[in-house]
Amino acid sequence: MSFLSVERKTAILDRLHANGKVNAADLARLLDVSMETIRRDLDVLEREGYLKRVHGGAVKVNFQLGEPPFVQRRQVRQKEKKEVAQRAAQMVKDGDTIVMGGGTTILEMAHCIRGVNKVTMLTNSLPTANALLDSMNQGLFHGKVILLGGELNEEQYSSRGTACENMLDLFCVNKAFISPGGISLAGVTEYTLEESSISSKMIQVAKEAIILVDHSKIGLEALCKFSQLDQVHAIVCNQEEPASWKPYLENIDWINADDKAAE
């Protein structure tokens, strides 16, 4: 893909995010290209999951309002989540202090952590804390697990609120591992203000912010933004980055967990 093509598709996405829809004729005039070129670009972006083609243009289809319960989310895209989780677990090193958010991909990551010593694991997720304790008791890694307190979310099995956020201020954290509701060029998002606030605090206290997503969350926007894309240090996904994202990823390490050649 040429650099000009990347610029053009980025301009289309920016307009789509701003207006919720785009008109092919308007885009052709704005970008000084043919209608055939615009239609081809829109077809590519639809295949990448950014939009839905409609007569005369396209509409944004990536806005998500509500998050399914934790138990329900555990049943979907298990293979993809495990790939991402295994690769993220390799990023935990001896002596690290890490914070792990809620979510089913993070829970998978907890099951994958092996062979590290003197690590401190902070989490606001009850299932993740339990998985880490089980692994530690089996001697799969050595360190300590700290459960962040606060009000419990009965659907997501995680703590939240001011008490949870204040507790994070007590620690010097090397890495934050967060699996958000969605990630797009507009930023990283969660479904509720409470989840967004906790994720934002985790990024604030950590030296590195590492985002874990399967391909279904790429280009998707949940309700509440908690981070700009440039606040992220690494993204672990089960596929390569979208071509239109590359100009925005110069300082972000995109790790393709499905890249067998990199193993």
Protein backbone atom coordinates (compact mmCIF):
# COMPACT_ATOMS: atom_id res chain seq x y z
CA MET A 1 0.00 0.00 0.00
CA SER A 2 1.37 3.43 -0.92
CA PHE A 3 1.87 6.18 1.65
CA LEU A 4 -0.71 8.25 -0.21
CA SER A 5 -3.23 5.44 0.20
CA VAL A 6 -2.54 5.27 3.96
CA GLU A 7 -3.06 9.03 4.26
CA ARG A 8 -6.31 8.81 2.32
CA LYS A 9 -7.73 6.00 4.40
CA THR A 10 -6.73 7.79 7.60
CA ALA A 11 -8.61 10.87 6.39
CA ILE A 12 -11.68 8.72 5.70
CA LEU A 13 -11.55 7.23 9.21
CA ASP A 14 -11.12 10.66 10.83
CA ARG A 15 -14.20 11.92 9.00
CA LEU A 16 -16.11 8.77 9.93
CA HIS A 17 -15.26 9.15 13.63
CA ALA A 18 -16.30 12.81 13.58
CA ASN A 19 -19.62 12.40 11.75
CA GLY A 20 -20.64 8.78 12.17
CA LYS A 21 -21.03 8.45 8.39
CA VAL A 22 -19.29 9.39 5.15
CA ASN A 23 -20.54 10.20 1.66
CA ALA A 24 -18.51 8.75 -1.22
CA ALA A 25 -19.01 11.75 -3.52
CA ASP A 26 -17.96 14.17 -0.77
CA LEU A 27 -14.85 12.10 -0.06
CA ALA A 28 -13.90 11.99 -3.73
CA ARG A 29 -14.07 15.80 -3.92
CA LEU A 30 -12.29 16.31 -0.59
CA LEU A 31 -9.43 13.93 -1.40
CA ASP A 32 -9.28 14.72 -5.12
CA VAL A 33 -9.60 11.11 -6.28
CA SER A 34 -12.07 9.17 -8.41
CA MET A 35 -15.28 7.61 -7.12
CA GLU A 36 -13.85 4.22 -8.06
CA THR A 37 -10.88 4.81 -5.75
CA ILE A 38 -13.12 5.88 -2.87
CA ARG A 39 -15.39 2.86 -3.32
CA ARG A 40 -12.35 0.60 -3.26
CA ASP A 41 -11.10 2.25 -0.06
CA LEU A 42 -14.50 1.89 1.59
CA ASP A 43 -14.64 -1.78 0.62
CA VAL A 44 -11.24 -2.38 2.25
CA LEU A 45 -12.25 -0.54 5.42
CA GLU A 46 -15.47 -2.56 5.61
CA ARG A 47 -13.46 -5.80 5.41
CA GLU A 48 -11.23 -4.50 8.22
CA GLY A 49 -14.33 -3.90 10.35
CA TYR A 50 -14.30 -0.09 10.54
CA LEU A 51 -17.56 0.66 8.74
CA LYS A 52 -20.62 -0.68 6.97
CA ARG A 53 -21.17 0.15 3.32
CA VAL A 54 -24.52 1.76 2.50
CA HIS A 55 -25.90 3.35 -0.65
CA GLY A 56 -23.79 6.41 -1.44
CA GLY A 57 -21.16 5.89 1.24
CA ALA A 58 -20.69 4.19 4.61
CA VAL A 59 -21.71 4.39 8.26
CA LYS A 60 -19.84 3.79 11.48
CA VAL A 61 -20.67 0.42 13.03
CA ASN A 62 -18.12 0.19 15.82
CA PHE A 63 -19.93 1.91 18.69
CA GLN A 64 -20.80 -0.46 21.54
CA LEU A 65 -22.89 0.63 24.53
CA GLY A 66 -23.17 -2.31 26.92
CA GLU A 67 -20.70 -4.96 28.03
CA PRO A 68 -21.82 -8.60 28.32
CA PRO A 69 -21.39 -10.24 31.75
CA PHE A 70 -18.03 -11.85 32.59
CA VAL A 71 -19.38 -15.41 32.46
CA GLN A 72 -20.82 -14.84 28.99
CA ARG A 73 -17.61 -13.28 27.65
CA ARG A 74 -15.55 -16.29 28.76
CA GLN A 75 -17.35 -18.41 26.18
CA VAL A 76 -16.40 -16.40 23.08
CA ARG A 77 -13.16 -16.22 21.05
CA GLN A 78 -11.35 -18.49 23.49
CA LYS A 79 -8.60 -19.47 21.04
CA GLU A 80 -7.79 -15.85 20.17
CA LYS A 81 -7.78 -14.77 23.80
CA LYS A 82 -5.43 -17.58 24.74
CA GLU A 83 -2.98 -16.62 21.99
CA VAL A 84 -2.92 -13.02 23.21
CA ALA A 85 -2.70 -14.11 26.86
CA GLN A 86 0.24 -16.45 26.28
CA ARG A 87 2.23 -13.75 24.52
CA ALA A 88 1.44 -11.14 27.17
CA ALA A 89 2.49 -13.51 29.96
CA GLN A 90 5.95 -13.70 28.40
CA MET A 91 6.32 -9.97 29.05
CA VAL A 92 6.31 -10.49 32.84
CA LYS A 93 9.90 -10.59 34.10
CA ASP A 94 11.66 -11.37 37.38
CA GLY A 95 11.22 -8.61 39.95
CA ASP A 96 8.32 -6.92 38.16
CA THR A 97 5.47 -5.22 39.93
CA ILE A 98 2.50 -5.41 37.59
CA VAL A 99 -1.15 -4.45 37.72
CA MET A 100 -3.72 -6.51 35.84
CA GLY A 101 -7.18 -5.22 35.03
CA GLY A 102 -10.39 -7.20 34.79
CA GLY A 103 -11.61 -9.16 31.81
CA THR A 104 -11.45 -12.64 30.40
CA THR A 105 -8.25 -12.14 28.38
CA ILE A 106 -6.46 -10.98 31.54
CA LEU A 107 -7.76 -14.07 33.35
CA GLU A 108 -6.26 -16.24 30.59
CA MET A 109 -2.99 -14.36 31.01
CA ALA A 110 -3.00 -15.15 34.74
CA HIS A 111 -3.17 -18.86 33.92
CA CYS A 112 -0.19 -18.51 31.55
CA ILE A 113 2.36 -16.83 33.85
CA ARG A 114 5.22 -19.24 34.48
CA GLY A 115 8.79 -19.36 35.77
CA VAL A 116 9.20 -15.83 37.14
CA ASN A 117 10.46 -14.91 40.60
CA LYS A 118 9.99 -12.05 43.06
CA VAL A 119 7.01 -10.64 41.18
CA THR A 120 4.20 -8.63 42.73
CA MET A 121 0.81 -8.98 41.03
CA LEU A 122 -1.88 -6.37 41.69
CA THR A 123 -5.40 -6.88 40.36
CA ASN A 124 -8.96 -5.71 40.92
CA SER A 125 -10.35 -8.94 39.42
CA LEU A 126 -11.49 -11.72 41.77
CA PRO A 127 -11.11 -14.53 39.17
CA THR A 128 -7.66 -13.27 38.18
CA ALA A 129 -6.49 -13.06 41.81
CA ASN A 130 -7.74 -16.61 42.41
CA ALA A 131 -5.98 -17.93 39.29
CA LEU A 132 -2.72 -16.24 40.31
CA LEU A 133 -2.93 -17.70 43.82
CA ASP A 134 -3.53 -21.19 42.42
CA SER A 135 -0.49 -20.90 40.13
CA MET A 136 1.68 -19.54 42.92
CA ASN A 137 0.62 -22.33 45.29
CA GLN A 138 1.56 -24.85 42.60
CA GLY A 139 5.02 -23.30 42.37
CA LEU A 140 4.52 -22.08 38.79
CA PHE A 141 5.89 -18.67 39.78
CA HIS A 142 7.10 -17.04 42.99
CA GLY A 143 6.01 -13.72 44.42
CA LYS A 144 2.91 -12.19 45.93
CA VAL A 145 -0.64 -11.38 44.87
CA ILE A 146 -2.44 -8.25 46.07
CA LEU A 147 -6.19 -7.84 45.55
CA LEU A 148 -7.25 -4.22 45.18
CA GLY A 149 -10.25 -3.45 47.36
CA GLY A 150 -13.39 -1.47 46.65
CA GLU A 151 -17.02 -1.89 45.67
CA LEU A 152 -17.61 -5.19 43.86
CA ASN A 153 -19.22 -5.32 40.43
CA GLU A 154 -21.49 -8.37 40.59
CA GLU A 155 -21.49 -8.93 36.81
CA GLN A 156 -17.78 -8.44 36.11
CA TYR A 157 -16.43 -9.90 39.40
CA SER A 158 -14.10 -6.94 39.91
CA SER A 159 -13.62 -4.11 42.41
CA ARG A 160 -14.03 -0.47 41.53
CA GLY A 161 -14.43 2.99 43.02
CA THR A 162 -12.36 5.50 44.97
CA ALA A 163 -10.94 2.97 47.44
CA CYS A 164 -9.60 0.82 44.61
CA GLU A 165 -8.05 3.80 42.83
CA ASN A 166 -6.49 5.20 46.02
CA MET A 167 -4.91 1.83 46.77
CA LEU A 168 -3.10 1.93 43.43
CA ASP A 169 -1.27 5.08 44.54
CA LEU A 170 0.56 3.01 47.16
CA PHE A 171 2.59 1.07 44.59
CA CYS A 172 5.38 1.67 42.09
CA VAL A 173 4.23 -0.35 39.08
CA ASN A 174 6.40 -1.44 36.14
CA LYS A 175 3.68 -2.63 33.78
CA ALA A 176 -0.09 -2.31 33.51
CA PHE A 177 -1.87 -5.05 31.54
CA ILE A 178 -5.35 -3.94 30.47
CA SER A 179 -7.91 -5.62 28.23
CA PRO A 180 -10.29 -2.80 27.26
CA GLY A 181 -13.74 -2.73 25.72
CA GLY A 182 -12.27 -1.43 22.48
CA ILE A 183 -9.37 0.37 20.85
CA SER A 184 -9.46 2.70 17.86
CA LEU A 185 -7.49 5.60 16.44
CA ALA A 186 -9.60 7.81 18.71
CA GLY A 187 -8.30 6.07 21.86
CA VAL A 188 -8.81 3.19 24.29
CA THR A 189 -12.28 2.73 25.76
CA GLU A 190 -14.33 0.93 28.41
CA TYR A 191 -18.07 0.38 28.78
CA THR A 192 -18.66 2.23 32.08
CA LEU A 193 -17.30 5.27 33.87
CA GLU A 194 -16.18 3.07 36.78
CA GLU A 195 -14.17 0.71 34.58
CA SER A 196 -12.77 3.63 32.62
CA SER A 197 -11.63 5.37 35.79
CA ILE A 198 -9.85 2.27 37.11
CA SER A 199 -8.11 1.62 33.79
CA SER A 200 -7.02 5.25 33.57
CA LYS A 201 -5.53 5.04 37.06
CA MET A 202 -3.66 1.84 36.19
CA ILE A 203 -2.04 3.58 33.23
CA GLN A 204 -1.24 6.61 35.38
CA VAL A 205 0.69 4.64 38.03
CA ALA A 206 2.54 2.32 35.61
CA LYS A 207 5.73 2.96 33.67
CA GLU A 208 4.40 0.93 30.73
CA ALA A 209 0.81 0.46 29.55
CA ILE A 210 0.22 -2.80 27.66
CA ILE A 211 -3.13 -3.33 25.94
CA LEU A 212 -4.44 -6.86 25.29
CA VAL A 213 -7.07 -7.24 22.56
CA ASP A 214 -8.29 -9.86 20.14
CA HIS A 215 -9.13 -8.79 16.60
CA SER A 216 -12.80 -8.14 17.41
CA LYS A 217 -11.88 -5.10 19.51
CA ILE A 218 -9.79 -3.37 16.85
CA GLY A 219 -11.60 -0.28 15.62
CA LEU A 220 -14.31 -0.72 18.24
CA GLU A 221 -15.32 2.11 20.57
CA ALA A 222 -17.08 1.55 23.88
CA LEU A 223 -18.75 4.39 25.78
CA CYS A 224 -15.94 5.90 27.88
CA LYS A 225 -12.43 6.82 26.74
CA PHE A 226 -9.68 6.34 29.34
CA SER A 227 -6.52 6.75 27.25
CA GLN A 228 -5.24 8.30 24.07
CA LEU A 229 -3.46 5.91 21.74
CA ASP A 230 -0.12 7.66 22.30
CA GLN A 231 -0.25 6.82 26.05
CA VAL A 232 0.04 3.13 25.18
CA HIS A 233 3.46 1.46 25.03
CA ALA A 234 2.48 -1.90 23.52
CA ILE A 235 -0.55 -3.62 21.99
CA VAL A 236 -0.77 -7.41 22.01
CA CYS A 237 -3.24 -8.74 19.43
CA ASN A 238 -3.84 -11.98 17.54
CA GLN A 239 -3.34 -10.32 14.16
CA GLU A 240 -1.25 -7.64 12.46
CA GLU A 241 -2.11 -3.99 12.84
CA PRO A 242 -4.54 -2.49 10.30
CA ALA A 243 -2.59 -0.83 7.51
CA SER A 244 -4.33 2.50 8.12
CA TRP A 245 -3.04 2.53 11.72
CA LYS A 246 0.66 2.32 10.89
CA PRO A 247 1.32 6.09 10.80
CA TYR A 248 0.01 6.27 14.39
CA LEU A 249 2.09 3.40 15.77
CA GLU A 250 5.62 4.74 15.38
CA ASN A 251 6.18 4.78 19.16
CA ILE A 252 3.93 1.82 20.00
CA ASP A 253 5.07 -1.80 19.89
CA TRP A 254 2.41 -3.85 18.08
CA ILE A 255 2.92 -7.51 19.01
CA ASN A 256 1.22 -10.08 16.79
CA ALA A 257 0.58 -13.04 19.08
CA ASP A 258 -0.30 -15.19 16.07
CA ASP A 259 3.07 -14.58 14.38
CA LYS A 260 4.60 -18.06 14.55
CA ALA A 261 7.82 -16.82 12.94
CA ALA A 262 8.44 -14.55 15.94
CA GLU A 263 8.22 -17.36 18.48
